[in-house]
Amino acid sequence: MAAGLAHEINNPLTAILWHTQLLLQSKGGGSPNTEELGTINLAAQRIARVVQEFMRFTSLENTRREGVDL
């Protein structure tokens, strides 16, 4: 479930990051929207980090399983 959630968030997030970076590069520093595009880009990067941390936290690789006597 965590992987599905991460996938659903990362797909549109990748588009947001790609398009804001493309617009920032094409407009240069002289556009009146440069600051807003930078803010969007930073926020999207923060979301990407949160998703990565969520996936790391929920990863089964880091869990240790052992039998217990009930």
N, C-alpha and C. Protein backbone atom coordinates (compact mmCIF):
# COMPACT_ATOMS: atom_id res chain seq x y z
N MET A 1 0.83 -1.19 0.00
CA MET A 1 0.00 0.00 0.00
C MET A 1 0.87 1.26 0.00
N ALA A 2 1.95 1.24 0.79
CA ALA A 2 2.84 2.40 0.84
C ALA A 2 3.47 2.67 -0.52
N ALA A 3 3.86 1.61 -1.21
CA ALA A 3 4.47 1.78 -2.53
C ALA A 3 3.46 2.36 -3.52
N GLY A 4 2.23 1.92 -3.45
CA GLY A 4 1.18 2.46 -4.32
C GLY A 4 0.92 3.93 -4.06
N LEU A 5 0.89 4.28 -2.79
CA LEU A 5 0.68 5.67 -2.41
C LEU A 5 1.84 6.54 -2.89
N ALA A 6 3.06 6.06 -2.70
CA ALA A 6 4.24 6.80 -3.15
C ALA A 6 4.20 6.97 -4.66
N HIS A 7 3.82 5.94 -5.37
CA HIS A 7 3.74 6.00 -6.83
C HIS A 7 2.71 7.04 -7.27
N GLU A 8 1.55 7.04 -6.64
CA GLU A 8 0.49 7.99 -7.00
C GLU A 8 0.88 9.44 -6.71
N ILE A 9 1.70 9.66 -5.69
CA ILE A 9 2.16 11.01 -5.37
C ILE A 9 3.33 11.40 -6.28
N ASN A 10 4.24 10.47 -6.52
CA ASN A 10 5.43 10.79 -7.29
C ASN A 10 5.15 11.08 -8.76
N ASN A 11 4.15 10.44 -9.36
CA ASN A 11 3.88 10.70 -10.77
C ASN A 11 3.53 12.17 -11.04
N PRO A 12 2.53 12.74 -10.40
CA PRO A 12 2.25 14.15 -10.67
C PRO A 12 3.35 15.07 -10.13
N LEU A 13 4.00 14.65 -9.06
CA LEU A 13 5.08 15.45 -8.49
C LEU A 13 6.24 15.58 -9.46
N THR A 14 6.55 14.51 -10.17
CA THR A 14 7.61 14.55 -11.17
C THR A 14 7.26 15.55 -12.27
N ALA A 15 6.02 15.56 -12.69
CA ALA A 15 5.58 16.52 -13.71
C ALA A 15 5.70 17.96 -13.20
N ILE A 16 5.33 18.19 -11.96
CA ILE A 16 5.43 19.54 -11.38
C ILE A 16 6.88 19.98 -11.33
N LEU A 17 7.76 19.11 -10.84
CA LEU A 17 9.18 19.45 -10.75
C LEU A 17 9.76 19.71 -12.14
N TRP A 18 9.46 18.84 -13.08
CA TRP A 18 10.01 18.98 -14.43
C TRP A 18 9.56 20.28 -15.08
N HIS A 19 8.26 20.57 -14.99
CA HIS A 19 7.74 21.78 -15.63
C HIS A 19 8.22 23.06 -14.96
N THR A 20 8.32 23.07 -13.65
CA THR A 20 8.82 24.29 -13.00
C THR A 20 10.29 24.51 -13.34
N GLN A 21 11.07 23.44 -13.39
CA GLN A 21 12.48 23.59 -13.76
C GLN A 21 12.61 24.05 -15.20
N LEU A 22 11.79 23.51 -16.08
CA LEU A 22 11.80 23.91 -17.48
C LEU A 22 11.44 25.40 -17.62
N LEU A 23 10.42 25.82 -16.92
CA LEU A 23 10.01 27.23 -16.98
C LEU A 23 11.08 28.15 -16.38
N LEU A 24 11.69 27.73 -15.29
CA LEU A 24 12.76 28.53 -14.69
C LEU A 24 13.94 28.67 -15.65
N GLN A 25 14.28 27.62 -16.33
CA GLN A 25 15.40 27.66 -17.27
C GLN A 25 15.06 28.51 -18.50
N SER A 26 13.85 28.39 -18.99
CA SER A 26 13.48 29.12 -20.21
C SER A 26 13.26 30.60 -19.96
N LYS A 27 12.82 30.96 -18.78
CA LYS A 27 12.54 32.36 -18.48
C LYS A 27 13.75 33.09 -17.92
N GLY A 28 14.70 32.33 -17.38
CA GLY A 28 15.86 32.98 -16.78
C GLY A 28 15.46 33.70 -15.50
N GLY A 29 16.31 34.57 -15.04
CA GLY A 29 16.06 35.28 -13.80
C GLY A 29 15.22 36.54 -13.97
N GLY A 30 14.87 36.89 -15.21
CA GLY A 30 14.18 38.16 -15.44
C GLY A 30 12.68 38.09 -15.43
N SER A 31 12.11 36.92 -15.28
CA SER A 31 10.66 36.79 -15.32
C SER A 31 10.05 37.23 -13.99
N PRO A 32 8.88 37.89 -14.05
CA PRO A 32 8.21 38.27 -12.80
C PRO A 32 7.71 37.06 -12.01
N ASN A 33 7.61 35.91 -12.66
CA ASN A 33 7.13 34.69 -11.98
C ASN A 33 8.26 33.81 -11.46
N THR A 34 9.49 34.25 -11.58
CA THR A 34 10.63 33.43 -11.17
C THR A 34 10.55 33.06 -9.70
N GLU A 35 10.20 34.00 -8.86
CA GLU A 35 10.13 33.72 -7.42
C GLU A 35 9.04 32.70 -7.12
N GLU A 36 7.88 32.84 -7.75
CA GLU A 36 6.79 31.89 -7.52
C GLU A 36 7.14 30.50 -8.03
N LEU A 37 7.78 30.43 -9.20
CA LEU A 37 8.20 29.14 -9.73
C LEU A 37 9.23 28.48 -8.81
N GLY A 38 10.13 29.27 -8.27
CA GLY A 38 11.11 28.75 -7.33
C GLY A 38 10.45 28.22 -6.07
N THR A 39 9.44 28.92 -5.60
CA THR A 39 8.70 28.47 -4.41
C THR A 39 7.99 27.16 -4.68
N ILE A 40 7.36 27.04 -5.84
CA ILE A 40 6.68 25.80 -6.22
C ILE A 40 7.69 24.66 -6.30
N ASN A 41 8.82 24.93 -6.92
CA ASN A 41 9.86 23.91 -7.08
C ASN A 41 10.38 23.43 -5.72
N LEU A 42 10.66 24.36 -4.81
CA LEU A 42 11.14 23.98 -3.48
C LEU A 42 10.09 23.17 -2.71
N ALA A 43 8.83 23.57 -2.82
CA ALA A 43 7.76 22.84 -2.14
C ALA A 43 7.63 21.42 -2.69
N ALA A 44 7.73 21.28 -4.00
CA ALA A 44 7.65 19.95 -4.62
C ALA A 44 8.83 19.09 -4.20
N GLN A 45 10.01 19.68 -4.07
CA GLN A 45 11.17 18.93 -3.61
C GLN A 45 10.98 18.46 -2.17
N ARG A 46 10.36 19.31 -1.35
CA ARG A 46 10.08 18.91 0.04
C ARG A 46 9.12 17.72 0.08
N ILE A 47 8.10 17.76 -0.77
CA ILE A 47 7.14 16.65 -0.84
C ILE A 47 7.86 15.37 -1.27
N ALA A 48 8.74 15.49 -2.25
CA ALA A 48 9.49 14.33 -2.73
C ALA A 48 10.33 13.73 -1.60
N ARG A 49 10.95 14.57 -0.79
CA ARG A 49 11.74 14.07 0.34
C ARG A 49 10.86 13.38 1.37
N VAL A 50 9.68 13.94 1.62
CA VAL A 50 8.75 13.33 2.58
C VAL A 50 8.32 11.95 2.08
N VAL A 51 8.03 11.82 0.79
CA VAL A 51 7.64 10.53 0.23
C VAL A 51 8.79 9.54 0.35
N GLN A 52 10.02 9.98 0.06
CA GLN A 52 11.18 9.10 0.19
C GLN A 52 11.36 8.63 1.64
N GLU A 53 11.21 9.54 2.58
CA GLU A 53 11.32 9.17 3.99
C GLU A 53 10.21 8.22 4.42
N PHE A 54 9.01 8.45 3.90
CA PHE A 54 7.88 7.57 4.19
C PHE A 54 8.18 6.16 3.68
N MET A 55 8.71 6.07 2.46
CA MET A 55 9.04 4.76 1.90
C MET A 55 10.17 4.09 2.71
N ARG A 56 11.15 4.87 3.12
CA ARG A 56 12.23 4.32 3.93
C ARG A 56 11.70 3.81 5.26
N PHE A 57 10.79 4.57 5.86
CA PHE A 57 10.21 4.20 7.15
C PHE A 57 9.38 2.93 7.06
N THR A 58 8.66 2.77 5.96
CA THR A 58 7.77 1.62 5.83
C THR A 58 8.44 0.43 5.16
N SER A 59 9.70 0.57 4.80
CA SER A 59 10.41 -0.50 4.09
C SER A 59 10.52 -1.76 4.94
N LEU A 60 10.27 -2.87 4.30
CA LEU A 60 10.39 -4.15 5.00
C LEU A 60 11.84 -4.59 5.14
N GLU A 61 12.74 -3.95 4.40
CA GLU A 61 14.14 -4.32 4.49
C GLU A 61 14.72 -4.03 5.87
N ASN A 62 14.18 -3.05 6.54
CA ASN A 62 14.71 -2.63 7.83
C ASN A 62 14.05 -3.34 9.01
N THR A 63 13.13 -4.24 8.72
CA THR A 63 12.45 -4.92 9.82
C THR A 63 13.10 -6.28 10.07
N ARG A 64 13.04 -6.69 11.29
CA ARG A 64 13.58 -7.99 11.66
C ARG A 64 12.42 -8.85 12.14
N ARG A 65 12.28 -9.99 11.55
CA ARG A 65 11.20 -10.90 11.93
C ARG A 65 11.78 -12.05 12.75
N GLU A 66 11.05 -12.39 13.77
CA GLU A 66 11.46 -13.54 14.57
C GLU A 66 10.21 -14.18 15.14
N GLY A 67 10.31 -15.43 15.38
CA GLY A 67 9.17 -16.16 15.94
C GLY A 67 8.99 -15.86 17.43
N VAL A 68 7.76 -15.92 17.87
CA VAL A 68 7.46 -15.74 19.29
C VAL A 68 6.57 -16.88 19.75
N ASP A 69 6.75 -17.27 20.97
CA ASP A 69 5.94 -18.32 21.56
C ASP A 69 4.72 -17.67 22.23
N LEU A 70 3.57 -17.85 21.62
CA LEU A 70 2.36 -17.25 22.19
C LEU A 70 1.78 -18.17 23.25
